[in-house]
Amino acid sequence: MDLVIRGVRVIDGSGGPSYRADVGLDGGRIGAIRREGDRALSAARTLDAHGLALSPGFIDMHAHSDLALLRDPAHEAKAAQGVTLEVLGQDGLSYAPVDDATLTEVRRAITGWNGDGSDIDFDWRTVGEYLDCLDEGIAVNAAYLVPQGTVRMYAVGWDDRPATPAELARMKQLVAEGLEQGAVGMSSGLTYTPGMYADGAELTELCRVVARYDGYYCPHHRSYGAGALQAYEEMVDLAREAGCALHLAHATMNFGVNKGKAPDLLALLDKALDAGADISLDTYPYTPGCTTLVAMLPSWAGEGGPEAVLARLQDDESAERIRQHLEETGSDGCHGVPIEWDTIEISGVSDQGLASCVGKTVQESAEARGEAPWATARRLLIDDRLGSTILQHVGHEENVRQIMRHRVHTGGSDGILQGHKPHPRAYGTFPQYLGRYARELGILSLEETVAHLTSRPAARLRLPDRGLVREGYRADLVLFDPDTVAAGSTFEAPRTLPVGIPYVLIDGRFVIEDGSRTDVLAGRSVRRSLSLS
């Protein structure tokens, strides 16, 4: 063996009881497992792991590290949490497939998520070429979803209208090509333009393509606020019609209208599951959300793309109409709920001259300036050229706890790494599950929690050799202290690394050793094996 981990408590990812064993790694895989009393293993190196637990590496089912993995080789935000695989291309917007014009537009559209990309070469245009770039060596492994909003931008543009037959055919071709090149499914962001301009029939046709390749559909659906249950039901019905597996992104029930309504969502899902539907979901263990300020605007304001949005904001008549939709009607960008400016905290800006806004709600900044909140928000959108990120304090703890107990739940950080004050979920989701929700609150047992973060997502991704501590499986592993593991990140200090995770291995190589990041770049793309159905 290359390495033997001795005397470790194995939490194998199955959800079953843990056990004490020596675990031998060889050639990037788990070579042998010897329980107490079995014949001892010999190795070139031995690690005494008494007092630690060994689990499969954690799989982040909802990540926004599309550029961070290329920009920051260390990528401690995820590596230090024990994440060994991230799923990118989320919420319908990412950087492949594109042509030159679409790339320019999408970079503008999600500057608040990933920065403007001025430090990235962008020497790809297809999904396969992007995955090839990741294969040059990254901190953790990464899978990719074809982003439906980017596909629509490429084939249709920013028009709020049904696709023509030729445009629909082109979108289906782009999705198929992305899946053939290794994508694991397709994502949507149905409160983000231009993806939200697609109707159910269009999405169903695209999901039929996904189903042919045994992929899954991962929607950020049309509302997490007013009409949230109906929005979930639309996705369940759509996936059933298309014959496509469904994974519900950051499956929350937010805003005052949904307080205490997690049981309604879970009943909907249980009914579908009992009828044979293939459904899973992910959540992060926090109540606030995080997105861009421009995402709050009504969908009609986004037609034509970022420059058209800025033109409408600069026009007093259009800006007043936007305000009415935000504050009085409830815009579809804000999930049909009239916006409450005291829940909208600025977490990051692209223009550093606007940094004084960070850490304050729009309401607080407006009061300091002696003006209406919309005046403050409008100025910030224009001056920051739509690049501002926000925390949206609209969640409910009881909903978070009930949803994480569900039988198809997995973990996803939805971690946006940009901004002066990012959401702590980016640096803390997985130790937060282990430390707060398993050890401190007992919402789940430690064994159950590990299964939610490992074997369940591996099953959704159709990965036959990841997600469990089994002989022959890949040696993507985490060693943590069950008594001390905890998120270090807080809303006040969101980039603080976790504690109690001294070792992380990918492909049998130490990415985290003695609590510190090594220079190992063992991560590669994880591509769906072609299996047309």
Protein backbone atom coordinates (compact mmCIF):
# COMPACT_ATOMS: atom_id res chain seq x y z
CA MET A 1 0.00 0.00 0.00
CA ASP A 2 1.06 3.61 -0.59
CA LEU A 3 -0.55 4.69 2.68
CA VAL A 4 -2.28 3.01 5.61
CA ILE A 5 -4.63 5.06 7.77
CA ARG A 6 -4.59 3.25 11.11
CA GLY A 7 -7.16 3.00 13.87
CA VAL A 8 -9.69 5.27 12.19
CA ARG A 9 -13.45 5.38 12.74
CA VAL A 10 -14.85 4.62 9.30
CA ILE A 11 -18.11 6.41 8.45
CA ASP A 12 -18.45 4.77 5.07
CA GLY A 13 -21.16 6.92 3.47
CA SER A 14 -23.86 4.26 3.44
CA GLY A 15 -25.66 5.67 6.48
CA GLY A 16 -24.96 2.48 8.42
CA PRO A 17 -23.05 2.16 11.70
CA SER A 18 -19.44 3.32 11.80
CA TYR A 19 -16.64 0.90 12.64
CA ARG A 20 -12.94 0.93 13.54
CA ALA A 21 -10.47 -0.16 10.85
CA ASP A 22 -7.17 0.32 9.09
CA VAL A 23 -7.65 1.57 5.54
CA GLY A 24 -4.98 1.08 2.89
CA LEU A 25 -4.66 3.28 -0.19
CA ASP A 26 -2.87 2.18 -3.33
CA GLY A 27 -2.65 3.76 -6.76
CA GLY A 28 -5.28 6.40 -6.01
CA ARG A 29 -7.86 3.89 -4.81
CA ILE A 30 -8.89 2.19 -1.59
CA GLY A 31 -6.83 -0.97 -1.75
CA ALA A 32 -7.88 -2.72 1.46
CA ILE A 33 -9.96 -2.28 4.59
CA ARG A 34 -8.96 -4.28 7.68
CA ARG A 35 -11.27 -4.23 10.67
CA GLU A 36 -9.97 -4.72 14.17
CA GLY A 37 -8.60 -8.24 14.51
CA ASP A 38 -7.93 -8.70 10.77
CA ARG A 39 -4.47 -9.18 9.32
CA ALA A 40 -2.47 -5.94 9.49
CA LEU A 41 -1.62 -3.91 6.39
CA SER A 42 1.87 -2.70 5.54
CA ALA A 43 2.61 0.47 3.60
CA ALA A 44 5.27 2.94 2.55
CA ARG A 45 3.64 5.45 4.91
CA THR A 46 1.40 5.13 7.94
CA LEU A 47 -0.98 7.74 9.38
CA ASP A 48 -2.17 7.28 12.96
CA ALA A 49 -5.81 8.40 12.84
CA HIS A 50 -7.01 7.48 16.33
CA GLY A 51 -9.66 10.00 17.38
CA LEU A 52 -10.52 10.86 13.77
CA ALA A 53 -13.31 9.75 11.47
CA LEU A 54 -12.74 8.76 7.84
CA SER A 55 -15.47 9.40 5.28
CA PRO A 56 -15.74 9.69 1.52
CA GLY A 57 -14.95 13.14 0.20
CA PHE A 58 -17.89 15.53 0.27
CA ILE A 59 -19.69 16.34 -2.97
CA ASP A 60 -20.93 19.90 -3.38
CA MET A 61 -24.03 19.53 -5.53
CA HIS A 62 -24.38 23.27 -6.15
CA ALA A 63 -21.17 25.25 -6.63
CA HIS A 64 -20.28 28.51 -8.34
CA SER A 65 -16.53 27.84 -8.69
CA ASP A 66 -16.62 27.90 -12.49
CA LEU A 67 -13.81 30.48 -12.67
CA ALA A 68 -12.47 30.17 -9.12
CA LEU A 69 -11.00 26.74 -9.87
CA LEU A 70 -8.97 28.31 -12.70
CA ARG A 71 -8.18 31.56 -10.88
CA ASP A 72 -7.15 30.21 -7.47
CA PRO A 73 -5.16 26.95 -7.53
CA ALA A 74 -5.36 26.58 -3.73
CA HIS A 75 -9.18 26.88 -3.65
CA GLU A 76 -9.11 26.56 0.14
CA ALA A 77 -12.73 27.65 0.37
CA LYS A 78 -13.77 24.16 -0.68
CA ALA A 79 -10.69 21.99 -0.15
CA ALA A 80 -10.50 22.88 3.54
CA GLN A 81 -14.14 21.79 4.00
CA GLY A 82 -13.38 18.30 2.73
CA VAL A 83 -15.05 18.89 -0.63
CA THR A 84 -13.49 16.62 -3.25
CA LEU A 85 -16.03 17.18 -6.05
CA GLU A 86 -18.07 20.22 -7.07
CA VAL A 87 -20.91 20.44 -9.59
CA LEU A 88 -20.58 23.58 -11.72
CA GLY A 89 -22.68 25.23 -14.44
CA GLN A 90 -25.46 26.03 -12.00
CA ASP A 91 -28.59 28.20 -12.18
CA GLY A 92 -28.64 28.19 -15.95
CA LEU A 93 -25.68 30.54 -16.42
CA SER A 94 -22.06 29.63 -17.05
CA TYR A 95 -19.35 29.93 -19.67
CA ALA A 96 -19.91 27.01 -22.08
CA PRO A 97 -21.21 26.43 -24.67
CA VAL A 98 -20.70 29.92 -26.10
CA ASP A 99 -19.63 31.87 -29.13
CA ASP A 100 -17.64 35.08 -28.76
CA ALA A 101 -20.69 37.32 -28.41
CA THR A 102 -22.43 35.05 -25.91
CA LEU A 103 -19.28 34.79 -23.82
CA THR A 104 -19.10 38.58 -23.57
CA GLU A 105 -22.74 38.75 -22.51
CA VAL A 106 -22.60 35.96 -19.94
CA ARG A 107 -19.46 37.41 -18.38
CA ARG A 108 -21.37 40.65 -17.87
CA ALA A 109 -24.49 38.87 -16.62
CA ILE A 110 -22.78 36.95 -13.79
CA THR A 111 -19.98 39.28 -12.81
CA GLY A 112 -21.51 39.31 -9.35
CA TRP A 113 -21.12 35.55 -9.06
CA ASN A 114 -17.65 35.03 -10.49
CA GLY A 115 -16.02 38.39 -11.21
CA ASP A 116 -15.67 39.80 -14.71
CA GLY A 117 -13.13 37.17 -15.74
CA SER A 118 -10.50 39.71 -16.78
CA ASP A 119 -7.89 37.40 -15.18
CA ILE A 120 -9.04 34.32 -17.15
CA ASP A 121 -7.90 33.37 -20.67
CA PHE A 122 -11.27 31.93 -21.79
CA ASP A 123 -9.53 29.77 -24.36
CA TRP A 124 -12.58 27.51 -24.73
CA ARG A 125 -15.99 27.75 -26.34
CA THR A 126 -17.49 24.26 -25.96
CA VAL A 127 -18.28 22.24 -22.84
CA GLY A 128 -15.60 19.73 -23.75
CA GLU A 129 -12.96 22.44 -24.15
CA TYR A 130 -13.88 23.90 -20.75
CA LEU A 131 -13.56 20.48 -19.13
CA ASP A 132 -10.21 20.05 -20.87
CA CYS A 133 -9.03 23.24 -19.15
CA LEU A 134 -10.02 21.77 -15.79
CA ASP A 135 -8.07 18.62 -16.64
CA GLU A 136 -4.84 20.61 -16.64
CA GLY A 137 -5.01 20.37 -12.84
CA ILE A 138 -7.35 21.93 -10.27
CA ALA A 139 -7.74 21.77 -6.51
CA VAL A 140 -10.82 19.49 -6.41
CA ASN A 141 -12.73 17.45 -8.95
CA ALA A 142 -15.53 19.12 -10.92
CA ALA A 143 -18.59 18.01 -12.88
CA TYR A 144 -20.56 20.34 -15.15
CA LEU A 145 -24.19 21.02 -16.04
CA VAL A 146 -25.12 22.51 -19.40
CA PRO A 147 -26.56 25.95 -18.47
CA GLN A 148 -29.94 26.40 -20.16
CA GLY A 149 -29.91 30.21 -19.83
CA THR A 150 -26.56 30.41 -21.61
CA VAL A 151 -27.85 28.04 -24.29
CA ARG A 152 -30.91 30.26 -24.81
CA MET A 153 -28.69 33.35 -24.92
CA TYR A 154 -26.59 31.64 -27.61
CA ALA A 155 -29.53 30.47 -29.76
CA VAL A 156 -32.27 33.07 -29.12
CA GLY A 157 -30.62 36.07 -27.49
CA TRP A 158 -32.22 38.16 -24.75
CA ASP A 159 -35.73 38.33 -26.25
CA ASP A 160 -38.70 37.52 -24.04
CA ARG A 161 -40.56 35.35 -26.53
CA PRO A 162 -41.05 31.70 -27.48
CA ALA A 163 -38.20 30.13 -29.42
CA THR A 164 -38.83 29.45 -33.09
CA PRO A 165 -38.65 25.81 -34.25
CA ALA A 166 -35.18 26.45 -35.66
CA GLU A 167 -34.00 28.06 -32.42
CA LEU A 168 -35.40 25.20 -30.36
CA ALA A 169 -33.63 22.71 -32.59
CA ARG A 170 -30.39 24.64 -32.13
CA MET A 171 -30.81 24.63 -28.33
CA LYS A 172 -31.46 20.89 -28.32
CA GLN A 173 -28.32 20.40 -30.40
CA LEU A 174 -26.22 22.50 -27.99
CA VAL A 175 -27.52 20.57 -24.98
CA ALA A 176 -26.85 17.23 -26.70
CA GLU A 177 -23.33 18.29 -27.64
CA GLY A 178 -22.60 19.36 -24.06
CA LEU A 179 -23.81 16.02 -22.72
CA GLU A 180 -21.82 14.11 -25.34
CA GLN A 181 -18.73 16.05 -24.22
CA GLY A 182 -19.18 15.02 -20.59
CA ALA A 183 -21.76 17.24 -18.88
CA VAL A 184 -23.83 15.39 -16.26
CA GLY A 185 -27.11 17.19 -16.95
CA MET A 186 -28.67 20.60 -17.51
CA SER A 187 -29.39 23.48 -15.13
CA SER A 188 -31.85 26.37 -15.31
CA GLY A 189 -32.19 29.66 -13.49
CA LEU A 190 -35.86 30.45 -13.93
CA THR A 191 -35.75 33.73 -12.04
CA TYR A 192 -32.73 34.84 -14.11
CA THR A 193 -32.85 36.30 -17.61
CA PRO A 194 -32.76 35.06 -20.30
CA GLY A 195 -33.38 31.49 -19.13
CA MET A 196 -36.62 32.48 -17.41
CA TYR A 197 -38.10 33.46 -20.77
CA ALA A 198 -38.43 29.75 -21.64
CA ASP A 199 -41.91 28.30 -21.18
CA GLY A 200 -42.66 24.82 -19.88
CA ALA A 201 -42.97 23.29 -23.34
CA GLU A 202 -39.50 24.53 -24.31
CA LEU A 203 -37.96 23.23 -21.11
CA THR A 204 -39.67 19.87 -21.56
CA GLU A 205 -38.15 19.46 -25.01
CA LEU A 206 -34.68 20.23 -23.66
CA CYS A 207 -35.21 17.79 -20.79
CA ARG A 208 -36.10 15.06 -23.26
CA VAL A 209 -32.57 15.48 -24.63
CA VAL A 210 -31.12 15.28 -21.12
CA ALA A 211 -33.09 12.10 -20.45
CA ARG A 212 -31.70 10.46 -23.62
CA TYR A 213 -28.22 10.80 -22.15
CA ASP A 214 -29.27 9.60 -18.68
CA GLY A 215 -28.52 13.03 -17.24
CA TYR A 216 -30.55 15.04 -14.77
CA TYR A 217 -32.31 18.39 -14.80
CA CYS A 218 -31.31 20.83 -12.05
CA PRO A 219 -33.64 23.84 -11.97
CA HIS A 220 -33.54 26.95 -9.86
CA HIS A 221 -37.27 27.12 -10.42
CA ARG A 222 -39.60 30.06 -10.96
CA SER A 223 -40.24 31.07 -7.35
CA TYR A 224 -39.02 30.38 -3.83
CA GLY A 225 -41.54 32.91 -2.52
CA ALA A 226 -45.10 33.55 -3.72
CA GLY A 227 -46.35 30.44 -5.51
CA ALA A 228 -43.29 28.41 -4.48
CA LEU A 229 -45.21 25.17 -4.14
CA GLN A 230 -46.73 25.62 -7.60
CA ALA A 231 -43.24 26.32 -8.99
CA TYR A 232 -41.94 23.07 -7.49
CA GLU A 233 -44.96 21.24 -8.89
CA GLU A 234 -44.24 22.62 -12.36
CA MET A 235 -40.76 21.14 -12.25
CA VAL A 236 -41.99 17.76 -11.01
CA ASP A 237 -44.63 17.61 -13.76
CA LEU A 238 -42.19 18.79 -16.42
CA ALA A 239 -39.61 16.14 -15.48
CA ARG A 240 -42.28 13.44 -15.45
CA GLU A 241 -43.47 14.48 -18.91
CA ALA A 242 -39.90 14.44 -20.26
CA GLY A 243 -38.95 11.19 -18.53
CA CYS A 244 -36.01 13.01 -16.95
CA ALA A 245 -34.40 12.72 -13.53
CA LEU A 246 -34.89 15.85 -11.42
CA HIS A 247 -32.59 17.46 -8.88
CA LEU A 248 -34.05 20.53 -7.16
CA ALA A 249 -31.47 23.25 -6.55
CA HIS A 250 -31.26 24.88 -3.10
CA ALA A 251 -34.71 23.53 -2.30
CA THR A 252 -35.91 26.11 0.18
CA MET A 253 -39.23 27.71 1.13
CA ASN A 254 -38.48 31.39 1.71
CA PHE A 255 -40.16 34.70 2.57
CA GLY A 256 -42.96 35.24 5.06
CA VAL A 257 -45.54 33.55 2.83
CA ASN A 258 -43.72 30.22 3.26
CA LYS A 259 -42.97 30.21 6.97
CA GLY A 260 -43.67 26.72 8.29
CA LYS A 261 -44.53 25.32 4.87
CA ALA A 262 -41.69 22.82 4.41
CA PRO A 263 -44.11 19.92 5.14
CA ASP A 264 -46.18 20.96 2.11
CA LEU A 265 -43.13 20.73 -0.15
CA LEU A 266 -42.04 17.41 1.31
CA ALA A 267 -45.54 15.95 0.87
CA LEU A 268 -45.47 16.99 -2.80
CA LEU A 269 -42.10 15.30 -3.29
CA ASP A 270 -43.07 12.15 -1.38
CA LYS A 271 -46.18 11.72 -3.53
CA ALA A 272 -44.07 11.98 -6.70
CA LEU A 273 -41.37 9.68 -5.33
CA ASP A 274 -43.91 7.06 -4.28
CA ALA A 275 -45.28 7.17 -7.83
CA GLY A 276 -41.83 6.32 -9.20
CA ALA A 277 -40.31 9.72 -9.95
CA ASP A 278 -36.52 10.07 -9.82
CA ILE A 279 -36.06 13.19 -7.66
CA SER A 280 -33.34 14.53 -5.38
CA LEU A 281 -32.59 17.94 -3.92
CA ASP A 282 -29.87 19.95 -2.24
CA THR A 283 -29.84 22.63 0.44
CA TYR A 284 -27.33 24.70 2.37
CA PRO A 285 -27.59 24.86 6.20
CA TYR A 286 -28.25 28.59 6.52
CA THR A 287 -31.33 30.80 6.28
CA PRO A 288 -30.21 33.78 4.10
CA GLY A 289 -29.84 33.45 0.36
CA CYS A 290 -27.23 35.07 -1.88
CA THR A 291 -27.43 36.36 -5.44
CA THR A 292 -26.99 39.59 -7.38
CA LEU A 293 -28.92 42.81 -6.83
CA VAL A 294 -29.90 42.98 -10.50
CA ALA A 295 -31.56 39.57 -10.16
CA MET A 296 -34.30 41.22 -8.10
CA LEU A 297 -35.57 43.21 -11.10
CA PRO A 298 -38.63 42.12 -13.07
CA SER A 299 -37.92 39.92 -16.07
CA TRP A 300 -39.11 42.52 -18.60
CA ALA A 301 -36.34 44.83 -17.39
CA GLY A 302 -33.75 42.25 -18.45
CA GLU A 303 -34.90 41.89 -22.02
CA GLY A 304 -32.09 42.85 -24.39
CA GLY A 305 -29.27 42.07 -21.98
CA PRO A 306 -27.15 44.02 -19.46
CA GLU A 307 -26.79 47.22 -21.51
CA ALA A 308 -30.55 47.37 -21.99
CA VAL A 309 -31.03 46.95 -18.24
CA LEU A 310 -28.71 49.88 -17.55
CA ALA A 311 -30.54 52.02 -20.11
CA ARG A 312 -33.87 51.32 -18.40
CA LEU A 313 -32.41 52.15 -14.99
CA GLN A 314 -31.13 55.46 -16.31
CA ASP A 315 -34.53 56.34 -17.77
CA ASP A 316 -36.76 57.86 -15.06
CA GLU A 317 -40.02 56.50 -16.46
CA SER A 318 -38.68 52.96 -16.84
CA ALA A 319 -37.01 53.11 -13.45
CA GLU A 320 -40.29 54.12 -11.82
CA ARG A 321 -42.02 51.17 -13.45
CA ILE A 322 -39.28 48.88 -12.10
CA ARG A 323 -39.78 50.34 -8.62
CA GLN A 324 -43.52 49.68 -8.77
CA HIS A 325 -42.92 46.05 -9.69
CA LEU A 326 -40.33 45.65 -6.94
CA GLU A 327 -42.04 47.45 -4.09
CA GLU A 328 -45.75 47.14 -4.85
CA THR A 329 -46.51 44.23 -7.18
CA GLY A 330 -43.69 41.85 -6.33
CA SER A 331 -41.38 41.24 -9.27
CA ASP A 332 -40.77 37.78 -10.67
CA GLY A 333 -37.06 38.39 -10.06
CA CYS A 334 -37.89 38.70 -6.34
CA HIS A 335 -40.08 35.60 -6.39
CA GLY A 336 -43.36 37.47 -6.63
CA VAL A 337 -42.96 39.06 -3.19
CA PRO A 338 -42.78 42.84 -2.71
CA ILE A 339 -39.18 43.59 -1.81
CA GLU A 340 -38.27 44.45 1.76
CA TRP A 341 -35.15 46.57 1.56
CA ASP A 342 -34.19 45.84 5.16
CA THR A 343 -33.63 42.19 4.14
CA ILE A 344 -31.30 43.07 1.24
CA GLU A 345 -27.69 43.31 2.48
CA ILE A 346 -24.96 44.29 0.01
CA SER A 347 -22.26 41.62 0.23
CA GLY A 348 -19.97 42.67 -2.60
CA VAL A 349 -19.35 45.28 -5.28
CA SER A 350 -17.30 45.24 -8.47
CA ASP A 351 -16.34 48.92 -8.19
CA GLN A 352 -14.16 49.23 -5.11
CA GLY A 353 -15.18 52.84 -4.75
CA LEU A 354 -18.58 51.58 -3.61
CA ALA A 355 -17.21 49.36 -0.82
CA SER A 356 -18.79 51.52 1.89
CA CYS A 357 -22.12 49.92 0.95
CA VAL A 358 -20.93 46.42 1.83
CA GLY A 359 -22.28 44.96 5.05
CA LYS A 360 -25.23 47.35 5.13
CA THR A 361 -28.78 46.73 4.02
CA VAL A 362 -30.17 48.90 1.26
CA GLN A 363 -32.52 50.33 3.89
CA GLU A 364 -29.61 51.32 6.15
CA SER A 365 -27.67 52.95 3.31
CA ALA A 366 -30.78 54.83 2.19
CA GLU A 367 -31.46 56.14 5.68
CA ALA A 368 -27.85 57.32 5.97
CA ARG A 369 -28.25 59.21 2.71
CA GLY A 370 -31.69 60.54 3.58
CA GLU A 371 -33.33 59.07 0.49
CA ALA A 372 -35.77 56.33 -0.50
CA PRO A 373 -34.36 52.78 -0.68
CA TRP A 374 -35.08 52.47 -4.39
CA ALA A 375 -33.02 55.57 -5.07
CA THR A 376 -30.08 53.95 -3.29
CA ALA A 377 -30.54 50.60 -5.04
CA ARG A 378 -30.94 52.25 -8.44
CA ARG A 379 -27.77 54.30 -8.01
CA LEU A 380 -25.82 51.23 -6.90
CA LEU A 381 -26.99 49.17 -9.85
CA ILE A 382 -25.93 51.89 -12.28
CA ASP A 383 -22.64 52.84 -10.63
CA ASP A 384 -21.58 49.20 -10.15
CA ARG A 385 -22.77 48.28 -13.65
CA LEU A 386 -24.96 45.49 -12.28
CA GLY A 387 -22.03 43.82 -10.49
CA SER A 388 -23.27 43.98 -6.88
CA THR A 389 -24.00 40.84 -4.86
CA ILE A 390 -26.45 40.59 -1.99
CA LEU A 391 -27.42 38.51 1.00
CA GLN A 392 -31.19 38.15 1.17
CA HIS A 393 -32.39 37.49 4.71
CA VAL A 394 -35.68 35.73 3.94
CA GLY A 395 -35.26 32.12 5.16
CA HIS A 396 -36.80 30.14 8.01
CA GLU A 397 -34.82 27.85 10.31
CA GLU A 398 -37.66 25.37 10.81
CA ASN A 399 -37.94 24.91 7.03
CA VAL A 400 -34.18 24.39 6.73
CA ARG A 401 -34.20 21.68 9.40
CA GLN A 402 -37.19 19.78 8.07
CA ILE A 403 -35.98 19.72 4.47
CA MET A 404 -32.49 18.49 5.39
CA ARG A 405 -34.02 15.41 7.02
CA HIS A 406 -35.66 14.26 3.79
CA ARG A 407 -34.78 10.92 2.21
CA VAL A 408 -33.49 12.45 -1.05
CA HIS A 409 -31.64 15.41 0.49
CA THR A 410 -28.03 16.21 -0.42
CA GLY A 411 -25.72 19.10 0.45
CA GLY A 412 -24.95 22.02 -1.83
CA SER A 413 -23.16 25.19 -0.77
CA ASP A 414 -24.43 27.51 -3.52
CA GLY A 415 -21.17 29.21 -2.61
CA ILE A 416 -20.52 32.53 -4.34
CA LEU A 417 -16.88 33.34 -3.63
CA GLN A 418 -16.92 36.94 -4.88
CA GLY A 419 -17.38 40.07 -2.83
CA HIS A 420 -16.02 41.70 0.29
CA LYS A 421 -18.46 39.84 2.49
CA PRO A 422 -19.58 36.61 0.81
CA HIS A 423 -22.16 34.31 2.33
CA PRO A 424 -20.44 32.06 4.90
CA ARG A 425 -21.93 29.01 3.21
CA ALA A 426 -19.16 29.26 0.61
CA TYR A 427 -16.56 28.42 3.27
CA GLY A 428 -18.67 26.59 5.83
CA THR A 429 -21.51 24.45 4.45
CA PHE A 430 -20.07 20.98 5.05
CA PRO A 431 -18.54 21.47 8.53
CA GLN A 432 -21.76 23.31 9.43
CA TYR A 433 -23.73 20.16 8.65
CA LEU A 434 -21.32 17.99 10.64
CA GLY A 435 -20.73 20.28 13.60
CA ARG A 436 -23.91 22.24 14.18
CA TYR A 437 -26.68 20.12 12.71
CA ALA A 438 -25.34 16.64 13.50
CA ARG A 439 -23.23 16.98 16.68
CA GLU A 440 -24.83 19.99 18.39
CA LEU A 441 -28.48 19.84 17.34
CA GLY A 442 -28.85 16.15 16.53
CA ILE A 443 -31.04 16.88 13.50
CA LEU A 444 -29.32 13.95 11.80
CA SER A 445 -26.88 11.35 13.11
CA LEU A 446 -23.29 11.73 11.97
CA GLU A 447 -23.63 8.63 9.81
CA GLU A 448 -26.79 9.97 8.17
CA THR A 449 -25.19 13.36 7.58
CA VAL A 450 -22.18 11.83 5.86
CA ALA A 451 -24.48 9.80 3.59
CA HIS A 452 -26.31 12.99 2.58
CA LEU A 453 -22.98 14.57 1.62
CA THR A 454 -21.36 11.59 -0.14
CA SER A 455 -23.19 8.48 -1.40
CA ARG A 456 -26.46 10.24 -2.19
CA PRO A 457 -24.90 12.84 -4.49
CA ALA A 458 -22.62 10.19 -6.02
CA ALA A 459 -25.73 8.16 -6.87
CA ARG A 460 -27.39 11.19 -8.48
CA LEU A 461 -24.24 11.77 -10.55
CA ARG A 462 -24.17 8.08 -11.54
CA LEU A 463 -20.63 7.68 -10.19
CA PRO A 464 -19.95 3.98 -9.64
CA ASP A 465 -16.70 4.34 -7.69
CA ARG A 466 -17.20 7.38 -5.48
CA GLY A 467 -19.27 8.25 -2.44
CA LEU A 468 -18.47 5.21 -0.27
CA VAL A 469 -15.47 3.88 1.64
CA ARG A 470 -15.20 0.56 -0.20
CA GLU A 471 -12.32 -1.46 -1.57
CA GLY A 472 -11.73 -0.47 -5.17
CA TYR A 473 -13.35 2.94 -4.81
CA ARG A 474 -11.43 6.12 -5.53
CA ALA A 475 -9.39 7.44 -2.63
CA ASP A 476 -11.18 10.77 -2.38
CA LEU A 477 -11.41 10.92 1.41
CA VAL A 478 -11.80 13.21 4.41
CA LEU A 479 -10.43 12.76 7.91
CA PHE A 480 -12.20 14.90 10.51
CA ASP A 481 -12.55 15.10 14.27
CA PRO A 482 -16.22 14.41 15.13
CA ASP A 483 -15.82 16.21 18.47
CA THR A 484 -14.46 19.49 17.09
CA VAL A 485 -15.37 19.81 13.40
CA ALA A 486 -17.09 23.14 12.86
CA ALA A 487 -17.48 25.94 10.36
CA GLY A 488 -15.13 28.81 11.03
CA SER A 489 -16.93 31.15 8.66
CA THR A 490 -19.49 33.57 10.04
CA PHE A 491 -21.44 36.47 8.58
CA GLU A 492 -18.91 38.81 10.21
CA ALA A 493 -15.83 36.83 9.07
CA PRO A 494 -17.05 34.74 6.12
CA ARG A 495 -13.67 33.64 4.77
CA THR A 496 -12.54 31.93 7.98
CA LEU A 497 -11.60 28.30 7.32
CA PRO A 498 -13.19 25.42 9.26
CA VAL A 499 -11.65 23.57 12.18
CA GLY A 500 -11.43 19.85 12.84
CA ILE A 501 -10.62 18.71 9.26
CA PRO A 502 -6.89 17.95 9.31
CA TYR A 503 -6.66 15.73 6.21
CA VAL A 504 -8.29 15.68 2.79
CA LEU A 505 -7.17 13.35 0.00
CA ILE A 506 -8.02 13.33 -3.69
CA ASP A 507 -6.85 10.42 -5.80
CA GLY A 508 -4.95 9.22 -2.71
CA ARG A 509 -2.90 12.44 -2.53
CA PHE A 510 -3.03 14.91 0.33
CA VAL A 511 -4.75 18.15 -0.62
CA ILE A 512 -5.02 19.14 3.06
CA GLU A 513 -2.31 17.75 5.38
CA ASP A 514 -2.01 18.56 9.06
CA GLY A 515 -4.66 21.20 8.55
CA SER A 516 -2.80 23.09 5.80
CA ARG A 517 -3.24 23.25 2.04
CA THR A 518 -0.55 21.43 0.08
CA ASP A 519 0.46 22.33 -3.47
CA VAL A 520 -1.22 19.22 -4.89
CA LEU A 521 -3.64 19.79 -7.79
CA ALA A 522 -5.21 16.35 -7.99
CA GLY A 523 -8.63 17.48 -9.21
CA ARG A 524 -9.86 16.80 -12.73
CA SER A 525 -13.15 16.97 -14.60
CA VAL A 526 -15.63 14.21 -13.84
CA ARG A 527 -17.48 13.45 -17.06
CA ARG A 528 -20.68 11.54 -17.60
CA SER A 529 -20.05 8.28 -19.41
CA LEU A 530 -22.13 8.18 -22.58
CA SER A 531 -25.17 5.93 -22.25
CA LEU A 532 -27.88 6.88 -24.71
CA SER A 533 -31.36 5.64 -23.84
